[in-house]
Each structure stands twice: as C-alpha cells, then as structure tokens.
Amino acid sequence: LTQHGLIDLEELEVMINALQKLQKPKVMDLGCGNGNITQHLHKKLPGSDFTGIDISSTGISYANQNFAKPGLAFYQGNMKSPGPGESFDAFIALDTFYYVSDLKTVLSACKKISAPGARLLTYFSQWIMDESYQDYLNPEMTRLARECKELNLSYKTTDLTASGIQHWKLKEKVLKDMKDEFFKEGFMHLWDYRFREATRYANWGDDKYARFFYEIAL
C-alpha cells in the first residue's frame, strides 16, 4: 500500500475490525502520508468518512490528486493541532507516533475534537537497549501507555510482537533477494537505506522488542 510500511495486511485487519465496531465512523488519519492506506481503509468501511492529515505538502498534494472524493478528504496539518474544526468518532495513527516528541499534546488535541464514545487506534512498537529496561516492553509501560495514564485515558491492547519480529526478518530477506532489481533500476541508494534499517531491527534482539495495537477511549 505504500513505498515503505510497518504494517502487514493481517495487522491492518485488527484496526479494520475495531473501526467496524463504531458503525460508519467519522475518522481522522493522523499522519496519512500520501493517502494510500487512508483510501484503502475507506473502501473497506462502506459509509465511513475519512479525513487524512499530514505535515507533508507533497504527500497531501498526491492524496488530493489521486484519492480525494466525497467522504475522503485530505489536509496539510500537524497532529498536535488537528482540524478542520469538526468532531470525529475515531482517530487512527499507523506507526506515526514515533515522530512525536510530545504525545500528551496529541492525545489532548484529539480528545478536544472527539465525539462521544470516540476511540484512538494506533500501532506502537517499543525497543529497549538492554535487559535492564525489560519493564518497558510491558504494554502498560510503553511511552504511549505512560502518557495515557497521565491523562487518565483507559485503553486495551492487542499483542502484535510476534508479527512485528517476523515483519523485520522478512523485510531483510526480501531486500536481499531484490538487491539486483534495485541496482538495475538505479535505486541502490534506496536499497541501501532500507537494508540498513531492516538489518538493524531484524537483528536488534527478539527479547528487546514489543509491539502492540492500542485502542484508547477518548
């Protein structure tokens, strides 16, 4: 669905199932990028309404040119102050919260424009440097969980650790298999960047990583 994603289709079904429970929700995608996953989710949820926001003008321009239509809109914006001045039944963040230094501000901003019973649905991975930080791999102790507790936001989680570990190992293998194809197309700089990243996380240490899907009540 995108040039470089962290979520496979099986993991994406976890979010789709959570959104379906809200029955034709009005959804904001926080950090929608080029809008490709946003439009995919919109197709999967007939009757839903999606608004994607992203800080990248290039991504939003692409999304508006290729996907925008009634019930599917895109705006350039910052997830610390999401708009455009309406309330939403759900907020989704597909591995985008790692780029936010102040998650509390984002959570508070979403809460201000949330409809009754609204949910924030997000994937969140946690890495640790050594075993002395093992507690932070607990779903109650990730950076996201700690921010939720400070704001008295309740949540439930789904453990996706095994899926996340497999993702990075598969990505490393596929990149090795496709190296010649990248070279022939003149994209070795892209291959090198992706391979270094995949190798780093594939070999980080299975016992130093955890991944969860959070369903946060706003």
N, C-alpha and C. Protein backbone atom coordinates (compact mmCIF):
# COMPACT_ATOMS: atom_id res chain seq x y z
N LEU A 1 0.82 -1.22 0.00
CA LEU A 1 0.00 0.00 0.00
C LEU A 1 0.85 1.27 0.00
N THR A 2 2.07 1.16 0.48
CA THR A 2 2.95 2.32 0.47
C THR A 2 4.34 1.87 0.09
N GLN A 3 5.21 2.84 -0.21
CA GLN A 3 6.58 2.51 -0.56
C GLN A 3 7.27 1.76 0.57
N HIS A 4 6.98 2.18 1.79
CA HIS A 4 7.66 1.59 2.94
C HIS A 4 6.71 1.59 4.12
N GLY A 5 6.23 0.42 4.50
CA GLY A 5 5.28 0.35 5.59
C GLY A 5 5.75 -0.56 6.70
N LEU A 6 5.16 -0.41 7.87
CA LEU A 6 5.48 -1.25 9.01
C LEU A 6 4.34 -2.18 9.37
N ILE A 7 3.24 -2.11 8.64
CA ILE A 7 2.04 -2.87 8.97
C ILE A 7 1.71 -3.81 7.82
N ASP A 8 1.55 -5.11 8.12
CA ASP A 8 1.11 -6.02 7.06
C ASP A 8 -0.41 -6.09 7.06
N LEU A 9 -0.98 -6.76 6.07
CA LEU A 9 -2.44 -6.77 5.93
C LEU A 9 -3.13 -7.47 7.08
N GLU A 10 -2.47 -8.48 7.66
CA GLU A 10 -3.07 -9.17 8.80
C GLU A 10 -3.17 -8.23 10.00
N GLU A 11 -2.11 -7.45 10.22
CA GLU A 11 -2.18 -6.48 11.31
C GLU A 11 -3.22 -5.40 11.02
N LEU A 12 -3.33 -4.99 9.77
CA LEU A 12 -4.29 -3.95 9.42
C LEU A 12 -5.72 -4.38 9.70
N GLU A 13 -5.99 -5.68 9.62
CA GLU A 13 -7.33 -6.19 9.91
C GLU A 13 -7.73 -5.92 11.36
N VAL A 14 -6.75 -5.87 12.25
CA VAL A 14 -7.04 -5.58 13.66
C VAL A 14 -7.67 -4.19 13.77
N MET A 15 -7.12 -3.22 13.04
CA MET A 15 -7.69 -1.88 13.05
C MET A 15 -9.04 -1.82 12.35
N ILE A 16 -9.14 -2.50 11.23
CA ILE A 16 -10.41 -2.51 10.50
C ILE A 16 -11.53 -3.07 11.37
N ASN A 17 -11.26 -4.15 12.09
CA ASN A 17 -12.27 -4.74 12.97
C ASN A 17 -12.68 -3.77 14.07
N ALA A 18 -11.71 -3.02 14.61
CA ALA A 18 -12.02 -2.06 15.66
C ALA A 18 -12.87 -0.91 15.11
N LEU A 19 -12.57 -0.47 13.89
CA LEU A 19 -13.34 0.62 13.27
C LEU A 19 -14.76 0.17 12.94
N GLN A 20 -14.92 -1.09 12.52
CA GLN A 20 -16.25 -1.60 12.17
C GLN A 20 -17.19 -1.60 13.36
N LYS A 21 -16.65 -1.74 14.56
CA LYS A 21 -17.48 -1.72 15.76
C LYS A 21 -18.13 -0.35 15.99
N LEU A 22 -17.52 0.69 15.41
CA LEU A 22 -18.04 2.04 15.59
C LEU A 22 -19.17 2.38 14.62
N GLN A 23 -19.42 1.52 13.64
CA GLN A 23 -20.54 1.64 12.72
C GLN A 23 -20.53 2.96 11.93
N LYS A 24 -19.94 2.89 10.76
CA LYS A 24 -19.84 4.02 9.84
C LYS A 24 -19.24 5.25 10.52
N PRO A 25 -18.06 5.12 11.04
CA PRO A 25 -17.47 6.21 11.81
C PRO A 25 -16.93 7.35 10.95
N LYS A 26 -16.76 8.49 11.60
CA LYS A 26 -16.06 9.63 11.02
C LYS A 26 -14.64 9.56 11.58
N VAL A 27 -13.66 9.36 10.70
CA VAL A 27 -12.31 9.00 11.12
C VAL A 27 -11.28 10.05 10.66
N MET A 28 -10.34 10.36 11.56
CA MET A 28 -9.18 11.17 11.18
C MET A 28 -7.94 10.30 11.20
N ASP A 29 -7.20 10.32 10.08
CA ASP A 29 -5.94 9.58 9.97
C ASP A 29 -4.80 10.55 10.26
N LEU A 30 -4.12 10.33 11.39
CA LEU A 30 -3.05 11.21 11.84
C LEU A 30 -1.72 10.80 11.21
N GLY A 31 -1.24 11.60 10.27
CA GLY A 31 -0.01 11.25 9.55
C GLY A 31 -0.31 10.33 8.40
N CYS A 32 -1.19 10.76 7.50
CA CYS A 32 -1.70 9.90 6.43
C CYS A 32 -0.72 9.72 5.27
N GLY A 33 0.37 10.51 5.25
CA GLY A 33 1.32 10.39 4.15
C GLY A 33 0.69 10.70 2.81
N ASN A 34 0.86 9.80 1.85
CA ASN A 34 0.30 10.03 0.50
C ASN A 34 -1.15 9.58 0.37
N GLY A 35 -1.75 9.14 1.47
CA GLY A 35 -3.18 8.84 1.47
C GLY A 35 -3.56 7.45 1.00
N ASN A 36 -2.60 6.63 0.62
CA ASN A 36 -2.92 5.33 0.03
C ASN A 36 -3.61 4.39 1.02
N ILE A 37 -3.07 4.29 2.24
CA ILE A 37 -3.71 3.43 3.23
C ILE A 37 -5.05 4.02 3.65
N THR A 38 -5.14 5.34 3.73
CA THR A 38 -6.40 6.00 4.10
C THR A 38 -7.51 5.61 3.14
N GLN A 39 -7.21 5.69 1.83
CA GLN A 39 -8.25 5.34 0.85
C GLN A 39 -8.56 3.85 0.88
N HIS A 40 -7.58 3.02 1.21
CA HIS A 40 -7.82 1.58 1.34
C HIS A 40 -8.79 1.30 2.49
N LEU A 41 -8.59 1.96 3.62
CA LEU A 41 -9.48 1.78 4.76
C LEU A 41 -10.88 2.31 4.44
N HIS A 42 -10.93 3.42 3.71
CA HIS A 42 -12.23 3.98 3.33
C HIS A 42 -13.02 2.99 2.49
N LYS A 43 -12.35 2.29 1.59
CA LYS A 43 -13.02 1.27 0.77
C LYS A 43 -13.50 0.10 1.63
N LYS A 44 -12.72 -0.24 2.64
CA LYS A 44 -13.05 -1.37 3.49
C LYS A 44 -14.21 -1.08 4.44
N LEU A 45 -14.54 0.20 4.61
CA LEU A 45 -15.58 0.58 5.57
C LEU A 45 -16.65 1.41 4.86
N PRO A 46 -17.54 0.77 4.10
CA PRO A 46 -18.58 1.49 3.37
C PRO A 46 -19.42 2.36 4.31
N GLY A 47 -19.64 3.60 3.88
CA GLY A 47 -20.44 4.53 4.69
C GLY A 47 -19.62 5.34 5.67
N SER A 48 -18.34 5.02 5.80
CA SER A 48 -17.48 5.78 6.71
C SER A 48 -17.03 7.08 6.05
N ASP A 49 -16.47 7.96 6.86
CA ASP A 49 -15.98 9.25 6.38
C ASP A 49 -14.56 9.42 6.91
N PHE A 50 -13.60 9.64 6.01
CA PHE A 50 -12.20 9.73 6.42
C PHE A 50 -11.61 11.09 6.08
N THR A 51 -10.85 11.63 7.01
CA THR A 51 -10.07 12.83 6.79
C THR A 51 -8.62 12.52 7.13
N GLY A 52 -7.72 12.67 6.17
CA GLY A 52 -6.31 12.43 6.41
C GLY A 52 -5.57 13.74 6.58
N ILE A 53 -4.68 13.82 7.59
CA ILE A 53 -3.85 15.00 7.73
C ILE A 53 -2.38 14.56 7.76
N ASP A 54 -1.53 15.41 7.23
CA ASP A 54 -0.10 15.13 7.26
C ASP A 54 0.65 16.45 7.14
N ILE A 55 1.84 16.48 7.72
CA ILE A 55 2.64 17.70 7.69
C ILE A 55 3.30 17.92 6.32
N SER A 56 3.33 16.88 5.50
CA SER A 56 3.99 16.95 4.19
C SER A 56 3.05 17.49 3.12
N SER A 57 3.41 18.63 2.55
CA SER A 57 2.60 19.20 1.47
C SER A 57 2.65 18.31 0.24
N THR A 58 3.79 17.64 0.01
CA THR A 58 3.93 16.74 -1.14
C THR A 58 2.98 15.55 -1.00
N GLY A 59 2.93 14.96 0.19
CA GLY A 59 2.05 13.82 0.42
C GLY A 59 0.59 14.20 0.27
N ILE A 60 0.20 15.34 0.83
CA ILE A 60 -1.19 15.77 0.75
C ILE A 60 -1.58 16.14 -0.68
N SER A 61 -0.66 16.75 -1.41
CA SER A 61 -0.94 17.08 -2.81
C SER A 61 -1.21 15.81 -3.61
N TYR A 62 -0.39 14.77 -3.38
CA TYR A 62 -0.58 13.49 -4.07
C TYR A 62 -1.93 12.88 -3.69
N ALA A 63 -2.24 12.90 -2.40
CA ALA A 63 -3.50 12.31 -1.93
C ALA A 63 -4.70 13.01 -2.54
N ASN A 64 -4.66 14.34 -2.59
CA ASN A 64 -5.79 15.08 -3.16
C ASN A 64 -5.94 14.84 -4.66
N GLN A 65 -4.82 14.70 -5.35
CA GLN A 65 -4.87 14.47 -6.80
C GLN A 65 -5.36 13.07 -7.15
N ASN A 66 -5.09 12.10 -6.28
CA ASN A 66 -5.37 10.70 -6.63
C ASN A 66 -6.53 10.06 -5.89
N PHE A 67 -6.87 10.56 -4.70
CA PHE A 67 -7.85 9.83 -3.89
C PHE A 67 -9.03 10.65 -3.40
N ALA A 68 -8.90 11.96 -3.30
CA ALA A 68 -9.95 12.78 -2.68
C ALA A 68 -11.28 12.64 -3.41
N LYS A 69 -12.35 12.52 -2.64
CA LYS A 69 -13.71 12.43 -3.16
C LYS A 69 -14.65 12.61 -1.99
N PRO A 70 -15.96 12.67 -2.22
CA PRO A 70 -16.88 12.82 -1.09
C PRO A 70 -16.66 11.71 -0.06
N GLY A 71 -16.50 12.10 1.19
CA GLY A 71 -16.26 11.13 2.26
C GLY A 71 -14.80 10.80 2.46
N LEU A 72 -13.92 11.39 1.64
CA LEU A 72 -12.49 11.13 1.76
C LEU A 72 -11.74 12.42 1.43
N ALA A 73 -11.27 13.11 2.49
CA ALA A 73 -10.63 14.42 2.33
C ALA A 73 -9.23 14.40 2.92
N PHE A 74 -8.39 15.30 2.44
CA PHE A 74 -7.00 15.38 2.91
C PHE A 74 -6.61 16.84 3.13
N TYR A 75 -5.91 17.08 4.26
CA TYR A 75 -5.47 18.42 4.60
C TYR A 75 -4.04 18.39 5.11
N GLN A 76 -3.29 19.43 4.80
CA GLN A 76 -1.97 19.56 5.39
C GLN A 76 -2.15 20.09 6.81
N GLY A 77 -1.52 19.45 7.76
CA GLY A 77 -1.67 19.87 9.14
C GLY A 77 -0.75 19.12 10.07
N ASN A 78 -0.74 19.53 11.31
CA ASN A 78 0.10 18.94 12.35
C ASN A 78 -0.77 18.17 13.32
N MET A 79 -0.40 16.94 13.65
CA MET A 79 -1.24 16.14 14.54
C MET A 79 -1.29 16.69 15.96
N LYS A 80 -0.42 17.67 16.27
CA LYS A 80 -0.50 18.32 17.58
C LYS A 80 -1.68 19.29 17.65
N SER A 81 -2.19 19.68 16.51
CA SER A 81 -3.35 20.58 16.48
C SER A 81 -4.22 20.21 15.29
N PRO A 82 -4.79 19.01 15.31
CA PRO A 82 -5.58 18.53 14.16
C PRO A 82 -6.85 19.33 13.97
N GLY A 83 -7.27 19.45 12.75
CA GLY A 83 -8.51 20.15 12.40
C GLY A 83 -9.31 19.24 11.51
N PRO A 84 -10.19 19.70 10.69
CA PRO A 84 -10.52 21.11 10.49
C PRO A 84 -11.78 21.54 11.24
N GLY A 85 -11.75 21.56 12.53
CA GLY A 85 -12.83 22.12 13.33
C GLY A 85 -14.10 21.31 13.38
N GLU A 86 -14.02 20.01 13.35
CA GLU A 86 -15.20 19.16 13.47
C GLU A 86 -14.89 18.03 14.44
N SER A 87 -15.89 17.28 14.85
CA SER A 87 -15.66 16.18 15.78
C SER A 87 -15.56 14.86 15.03
N PHE A 88 -14.83 13.92 15.64
CA PHE A 88 -14.58 12.63 14.99
C PHE A 88 -14.89 11.48 15.94
N ASP A 89 -15.31 10.36 15.34
CA ASP A 89 -15.61 9.15 16.12
C ASP A 89 -14.36 8.34 16.38
N ALA A 90 -13.35 8.51 15.52
CA ALA A 90 -12.13 7.73 15.67
C ALA A 90 -10.94 8.51 15.11
N PHE A 91 -9.81 8.29 15.74
CA PHE A 91 -8.53 8.80 15.26
C PHE A 91 -7.62 7.59 15.09
N ILE A 92 -6.92 7.54 13.97
CA ILE A 92 -6.02 6.41 13.74
C ILE A 92 -4.61 6.93 13.49
N ALA A 93 -3.63 6.18 13.97
CA ALA A 93 -2.23 6.54 13.77
C ALA A 93 -1.49 5.26 13.43
N LEU A 94 -1.08 5.14 12.18
CA LEU A 94 -0.46 3.91 11.69
C LEU A 94 1.06 4.03 11.75
N ASP A 95 1.60 3.73 12.93
CA ASP A 95 3.04 3.82 13.17
C ASP A 95 3.58 5.22 12.90
N THR A 96 2.84 6.23 13.34
CA THR A 96 3.29 7.61 13.15
C THR A 96 3.65 8.31 14.46
N PHE A 97 3.31 7.73 15.60
CA PHE A 97 3.54 8.41 16.87
C PHE A 97 5.02 8.46 17.27
N TYR A 98 5.86 7.67 16.61
CA TYR A 98 7.29 7.70 16.95
C TYR A 98 7.92 9.05 16.61
N TYR A 99 7.29 9.79 15.71
CA TYR A 99 7.84 11.05 15.26
C TYR A 99 7.38 12.23 16.11
N VAL A 100 6.61 11.95 17.15
CA VAL A 100 6.06 12.99 18.01
C VAL A 100 6.81 13.01 19.33
N SER A 101 7.39 14.15 19.66
CA SER A 101 8.13 14.25 20.93
C SER A 101 7.19 14.38 22.11
N ASP A 102 6.01 14.98 21.89
CA ASP A 102 5.06 15.22 22.97
C ASP A 102 3.73 14.55 22.65
N LEU A 103 3.63 13.28 22.99
CA LEU A 103 2.40 12.54 22.70
C LEU A 103 1.22 13.05 23.51
N LYS A 104 1.48 13.57 24.68
CA LYS A 104 0.40 14.07 25.53
C LYS A 104 -0.37 15.18 24.82
N THR A 105 0.35 16.05 24.11
CA THR A 105 -0.29 17.14 23.38
C THR A 105 -1.19 16.59 22.28
N VAL A 106 -0.73 15.56 21.58
CA VAL A 106 -1.53 14.95 20.51
C VAL A 106 -2.79 14.30 21.08
N LEU A 107 -2.64 13.53 22.15
CA LEU A 107 -3.78 12.87 22.76
C LEU A 107 -4.80 13.89 23.26
N SER A 108 -4.32 14.98 23.87
CA SER A 108 -5.22 16.02 24.38
C SER A 108 -5.94 16.73 23.24
N ALA A 109 -5.21 16.98 22.14
CA ALA A 109 -5.82 17.65 20.99
C ALA A 109 -6.92 16.79 20.37
N CYS A 110 -6.69 15.49 20.29
CA CYS A 110 -7.71 14.59 19.74
C CYS A 110 -8.93 14.54 20.64
N LYS A 111 -8.69 14.51 21.93
CA LYS A 111 -9.80 14.44 22.88
C LYS A 111 -10.73 15.66 22.75
N LYS A 112 -10.14 16.83 22.45
CA LYS A 112 -10.93 18.05 22.33
C LYS A 112 -11.92 18.01 21.17
N ILE A 113 -11.59 17.26 20.13
CA ILE A 113 -12.48 17.22 18.96
C ILE A 113 -13.05 15.81 18.76
N SER A 114 -13.17 15.07 19.85
CA SER A 114 -13.71 13.71 19.77
C SER A 114 -15.21 13.71 20.07
N ALA A 115 -15.93 12.90 19.32
CA ALA A 115 -17.35 12.72 19.55
C ALA A 115 -17.54 11.78 20.75
N PRO A 116 -18.73 11.73 21.34
CA PRO A 116 -18.95 10.80 22.46
C PRO A 116 -18.63 9.37 22.05
N GLY A 117 -17.87 8.67 22.92
CA GLY A 117 -17.52 7.29 22.63
C GLY A 117 -16.38 7.13 21.65
N ALA A 118 -15.68 8.20 21.32
CA ALA A 118 -14.62 8.15 20.32
C ALA A 118 -13.44 7.29 20.79
N ARG A 119 -12.70 6.77 19.82
CA ARG A 119 -11.54 5.93 20.09
C ARG A 119 -10.33 6.43 19.29
N LEU A 120 -9.17 6.25 19.87
CA LEU A 120 -7.92 6.46 19.14
C LEU A 120 -7.27 5.10 18.97
N LEU A 121 -7.02 4.72 17.72
CA LEU A 121 -6.49 3.40 17.39
C LEU A 121 -5.11 3.56 16.80
N THR A 122 -4.14 2.87 17.40
CA THR A 122 -2.78 3.06 16.91
C THR A 122 -1.91 1.83 17.14
N TYR A 123 -0.92 1.68 16.27
CA TYR A 123 0.12 0.66 16.43
C TYR A 123 1.31 1.34 17.09
N PHE A 124 1.93 0.63 18.04
CA PHE A 124 3.07 1.23 18.73
C PHE A 124 4.08 0.14 19.07
N SER A 125 5.30 0.34 18.58
CA SER A 125 6.39 -0.60 18.88
C SER A 125 7.35 0.03 19.88
N GLN A 126 7.91 -0.82 20.72
CA GLN A 126 8.84 -0.36 21.75
C GLN A 126 10.12 -1.19 21.67
N TRP A 127 11.26 -0.50 21.60
CA TRP A 127 12.57 -1.16 21.62
C TRP A 127 13.30 -0.77 22.90
N ILE A 128 14.12 -1.67 23.42
CA ILE A 128 14.97 -1.34 24.56
C ILE A 128 16.43 -1.65 24.20
N MET A 129 17.35 -0.99 24.90
CA MET A 129 18.76 -1.18 24.61
C MET A 129 19.34 -2.42 25.29
N ASP A 130 18.89 -2.70 26.52
CA ASP A 130 19.39 -3.89 27.21
C ASP A 130 18.32 -4.38 28.18
N GLU A 131 18.58 -5.53 28.78
CA GLU A 131 17.58 -6.22 29.60
C GLU A 131 17.18 -5.45 30.86
N SER A 132 17.99 -4.50 31.28
CA SER A 132 17.64 -3.73 32.47
C SER A 132 16.39 -2.87 32.26
N TYR A 133 16.01 -2.66 30.98
CA TYR A 133 14.81 -1.88 30.66
C TYR A 133 13.63 -2.77 30.28
N GLN A 134 13.68 -4.03 30.65
CA GLN A 134 12.68 -5.01 30.24
C GLN A 134 11.25 -4.60 30.56
N ASP A 135 11.06 -3.89 31.65
CA ASP A 135 9.71 -3.48 32.06
C ASP A 135 9.02 -2.63 30.99
N TYR A 136 9.81 -1.91 30.20
CA TYR A 136 9.23 -1.01 29.20
C TYR A 136 8.63 -1.77 28.01
N LEU A 137 8.83 -3.08 27.97
CA LEU A 137 8.21 -3.88 26.92
C LEU A 137 6.81 -4.34 27.32
N ASN A 138 6.42 -4.02 28.53
CA ASN A 138 5.07 -4.30 29.00
C ASN A 138 4.11 -3.30 28.37
N PRO A 139 2.93 -3.73 27.88
CA PRO A 139 2.01 -2.78 27.23
C PRO A 139 1.56 -1.65 28.15
N GLU A 140 1.71 -1.85 29.46
CA GLU A 140 1.35 -0.81 30.43
C GLU A 140 2.48 0.19 30.67
N MET A 141 3.65 -0.08 30.07
CA MET A 141 4.83 0.73 30.38
C MET A 141 5.47 1.39 29.17
N THR A 142 4.89 1.23 27.99
CA THR A 142 5.45 1.91 26.82
C THR A 142 5.27 3.42 26.98
N ARG A 143 5.96 4.17 26.16
CA ARG A 143 5.85 5.64 26.24
C ARG A 143 4.40 6.08 26.02
N LEU A 144 3.71 5.43 25.08
CA LEU A 144 2.32 5.77 24.83
C LEU A 144 1.45 5.47 26.04
N ALA A 145 1.64 4.31 26.65
CA ALA A 145 0.83 3.93 27.80
C ALA A 145 1.03 4.90 28.97
N ARG A 146 2.26 5.31 29.18
CA ARG A 146 2.53 6.24 30.28
C ARG A 146 1.86 7.59 30.06
N GLU A 147 1.81 8.04 28.81
CA GLU A 147 1.14 9.31 28.51
C GLU A 147 -0.37 9.17 28.72
N CYS A 148 -0.93 8.03 28.34
CA CYS A 148 -2.37 7.79 28.55
C CYS A 148 -2.71 7.83 30.03
N LYS A 149 -1.88 7.23 30.85
CA LYS A 149 -2.13 7.21 32.30
C LYS A 149 -2.13 8.61 32.88
N GLU A 150 -1.21 9.46 32.39
CA GLU A 150 -1.15 10.83 32.90
C GLU A 150 -2.42 11.61 32.57
N LEU A 151 -3.07 11.23 31.47
CA LEU A 151 -4.30 11.91 31.05
C LEU A 151 -5.55 11.14 31.49
N ASN A 152 -5.37 10.08 32.26
CA ASN A 152 -6.48 9.24 32.73
C ASN A 152 -7.31 8.66 31.59
N LEU A 153 -6.61 8.26 30.54
CA LEU A 153 -7.28 7.64 29.40
C LEU A 153 -7.15 6.12 29.51
N SER A 154 -8.26 5.43 29.46
CA SER A 154 -8.23 3.98 29.52
C SER A 154 -8.00 3.40 28.13
N TYR A 155 -7.50 2.18 28.08
CA TYR A 155 -7.20 1.56 26.80
C TYR A 155 -7.16 0.04 26.95
N LYS A 156 -7.21 -0.63 25.81
CA LYS A 156 -6.96 -2.06 25.78
C LYS A 156 -5.97 -2.33 24.66
N THR A 157 -5.25 -3.43 24.75
CA THR A 157 -4.18 -3.69 23.78
C THR A 157 -4.30 -5.08 23.17
N THR A 158 -3.73 -5.21 21.99
CA THR A 158 -3.56 -6.50 21.31
C THR A 158 -2.07 -6.67 21.07
N ASP A 159 -1.53 -7.79 21.48
CA ASP A 159 -0.09 -8.04 21.36
C ASP A 159 0.24 -8.48 19.93
N LEU A 160 1.07 -7.69 19.26
CA LEU A 160 1.49 -7.98 17.88
C LEU A 160 3.00 -8.20 17.81
N THR A 161 3.61 -8.54 18.93
CA THR A 161 5.07 -8.66 18.97
C THR A 161 5.60 -9.70 17.99
N ALA A 162 4.99 -10.87 17.97
CA ALA A 162 5.46 -11.94 17.07
C ALA A 162 5.35 -11.49 15.61
N SER A 163 4.27 -10.80 15.28
CA SER A 163 4.08 -10.30 13.92
C SER A 163 5.14 -9.26 13.57
N GLY A 164 5.44 -8.38 14.52
CA GLY A 164 6.44 -7.35 14.28
C GLY A 164 7.83 -7.91 14.06
N ILE A 165 8.19 -8.92 14.86
CA ILE A 165 9.50 -9.56 14.70
C ILE A 165 9.61 -10.20 13.33
N GLN A 166 8.56 -10.92 12.93
CA GLN A 166 8.55 -11.57 11.62
C GLN A 166 8.63 -10.55 10.49
N HIS A 167 8.00 -9.41 10.68
CA HIS A 167 7.99 -8.36 9.66
C HIS A 167 9.41 -7.93 9.30
N TRP A 168 10.21 -7.61 10.34
CA TRP A 168 11.56 -7.11 10.07
C TRP A 168 12.46 -8.18 9.46
N LYS A 169 12.30 -9.42 9.91
CA LYS A 169 13.12 -10.51 9.35
C LYS A 169 12.75 -10.77 7.90
N LEU A 170 11.46 -10.70 7.59
CA LEU A 170 11.02 -10.89 6.21
C LEU A 170 11.50 -9.74 5.33
N LYS A 171 11.43 -8.52 5.86
CA LYS A 171 11.87 -7.36 5.09
C LYS A 171 13.35 -7.47 4.74
N GLU A 172 14.15 -7.91 5.69
CA GLU A 172 15.58 -8.09 5.44
C GLU A 172 15.81 -9.12 4.33
N LYS A 173 15.08 -10.23 4.41
CA LYS A 173 15.22 -11.30 3.40
C LYS A 173 14.80 -10.81 2.02
N VAL A 174 13.68 -10.13 1.93
CA VAL A 174 13.18 -9.66 0.63
C VAL A 174 14.14 -8.66 0.01
N LEU A 175 14.71 -7.79 0.84
CA LEU A 175 15.67 -6.82 0.32
C LEU A 175 16.91 -7.52 -0.24
N LYS A 176 17.36 -8.55 0.44
CA LYS A 176 18.50 -9.32 -0.08
C LYS A 176 18.14 -9.92 -1.44
N ASP A 177 16.95 -10.51 -1.52
CA ASP A 177 16.52 -11.16 -2.75
C ASP A 177 16.36 -10.16 -3.90
N MET A 178 16.01 -8.91 -3.60
CA MET A 178 15.70 -7.93 -4.64
C MET A 178 16.84 -6.96 -4.91
N LYS A 179 18.00 -7.20 -4.34
CA LYS A 179 19.11 -6.25 -4.48
C LYS A 179 19.44 -5.98 -5.95
N ASP A 180 19.52 -7.02 -6.76
CA ASP A 180 19.87 -6.84 -8.17
C ASP A 180 18.82 -6.02 -8.91
N GLU A 181 17.56 -6.18 -8.55
CA GLU A 181 16.49 -5.43 -9.20
C GLU A 181 16.60 -3.93 -8.89
N PHE A 182 16.91 -3.62 -7.61
CA PHE A 182 17.13 -2.21 -7.25
C PHE A 182 18.30 -1.64 -8.06
N PHE A 183 19.37 -2.43 -8.16
CA PHE A 183 20.56 -1.99 -8.89
C PHE A 183 20.23 -1.69 -10.36
N LYS A 184 19.49 -2.59 -11.01
CA LYS A 184 19.14 -2.42 -12.42
C LYS A 184 18.28 -1.18 -12.64
N GLU A 185 17.47 -0.83 -11.66
CA GLU A 185 16.59 0.34 -11.80
C GLU A 185 17.27 1.63 -11.35
N GLY A 186 18.50 1.52 -10.84
CA GLY A 186 19.23 2.72 -10.42
C GLY A 186 18.82 3.26 -9.07
N PHE A 187 18.33 2.37 -8.19
CA PHE A 187 17.87 2.80 -6.88
C PHE A 187 18.66 2.16 -5.74
N MET A 188 19.97 2.03 -5.92
CA MET A 188 20.78 1.42 -4.87
C MET A 188 20.81 2.28 -3.60
N HIS A 189 20.67 3.59 -3.75
CA HIS A 189 20.64 4.44 -2.56
C HIS A 189 19.42 4.12 -1.69
N LEU A 190 18.30 3.83 -2.36
CA LEU A 190 17.08 3.46 -1.63
C LEU A 190 17.23 2.08 -1.01
N TRP A 191 17.78 1.15 -1.77
CA TRP A 191 18.01 -0.21 -1.24
C TRP A 191 18.93 -0.15 -0.02
N ASP A 192 20.00 0.61 -0.12
CA ASP A 192 20.97 0.68 0.97
C ASP A 192 20.34 1.22 2.24
N TYR A 193 19.54 2.27 2.10
CA TYR A 193 18.86 2.87 3.27
C TYR A 193 17.91 1.87 3.91
N ARG A 194 17.08 1.24 3.08
CA ARG A 194 16.10 0.28 3.61
C ARG A 194 16.78 -0.95 4.21
N PHE A 195 17.84 -1.42 3.56
CA PHE A 195 18.51 -2.63 4.04
C PHE A 195 19.19 -2.38 5.38
N ARG A 196 19.84 -1.23 5.52
CA ARG A 196 20.48 -0.92 6.79
C ARG A 196 19.45 -0.84 7.92
N GLU A 197 18.29 -0.25 7.63
CA GLU A 197 17.23 -0.16 8.63
C GLU A 197 16.68 -1.54 8.97
N ALA A 198 16.38 -2.35 7.94
CA ALA A 198 15.81 -3.68 8.18
C ALA A 198 16.79 -4.57 8.93
N THR A 199 18.06 -4.53 8.54
CA THR A 199 19.06 -5.34 9.22
C THR A 199 19.20 -4.95 10.68
N ARG A 200 19.14 -3.66 10.92
CA ARG A 200 19.25 -3.18 12.31
C ARG A 200 18.15 -3.77 13.18
N TYR A 201 16.90 -3.66 12.72
CA TYR A 201 15.78 -4.10 13.56
C TYR A 201 15.56 -5.60 13.51
N ALA A 202 15.89 -6.25 12.40
CA ALA A 202 15.75 -7.71 12.33
C ALA A 202 16.69 -8.39 13.30
N ASN A 203 17.81 -7.74 13.60
CA ASN A 203 18.81 -8.33 14.48
C ASN A 203 18.96 -7.58 15.80
N TRP A 204 17.98 -6.78 16.13
CA TRP A 204 18.01 -5.99 17.36
C TRP A 204 18.04 -6.89 18.59
N GLY A 205 17.29 -8.00 18.50
CA GLY A 205 17.12 -8.91 19.63
C GLY A 205 15.64 -9.11 19.88
N ASP A 206 15.16 -10.34 19.66
CA ASP A 206 13.73 -10.60 19.80
C ASP A 206 13.23 -10.32 21.22
N ASP A 207 14.13 -10.40 22.20
CA ASP A 207 13.75 -10.16 23.59
C ASP A 207 13.87 -8.69 23.98
N LYS A 208 14.18 -7.83 23.01
CA LYS A 208 14.32 -6.41 23.30
C LYS A 208 13.33 -5.58 22.48
N TYR A 209 12.22 -6.19 22.13
CA TYR A 209 11.25 -5.55 21.26
C TYR A 209 9.84 -6.01 21.62
N ALA A 210 8.90 -5.10 21.52
CA ALA A 210 7.49 -5.45 21.71
C ALA A 210 6.65 -4.56 20.81
N ARG A 211 5.51 -5.08 20.39
CA ARG A 211 4.62 -4.32 19.50
C ARG A 211 3.17 -4.57 19.93
N PHE A 212 2.40 -3.48 19.96
CA PHE A 212 1.02 -3.57 20.42
C PHE A 212 0.10 -2.69 19.57
N PHE A 213 -1.16 -3.11 19.51
CA PHE A 213 -2.22 -2.27 18.96
C PHE A 213 -2.99 -1.72 20.15
N TYR A 214 -3.10 -0.40 20.21
CA TYR A 214 -3.81 0.26 21.32
C TYR A 214 -5.16 0.78 20.85
N GLU A 215 -6.16 0.51 21.63
CA GLU A 215 -7.49 1.08 21.42
C GLU A 215 -7.79 1.95 22.64
N ILE A 216 -7.68 3.26 22.46
CA ILE A 216 -7.73 4.21 23.56
C ILE A 216 -9.09 4.92 23.57
N ALA A 217 -9.74 4.91 24.71
CA ALA A 217 -11.03 5.58 24.88
C ALA A 217 -10.80 7.07 25.14
N LEU A 218 -11.39 7.90 24.30
CA LEU A 218 -11.24 9.36 24.46
C LEU A 218 -12.44 9.97 25.17
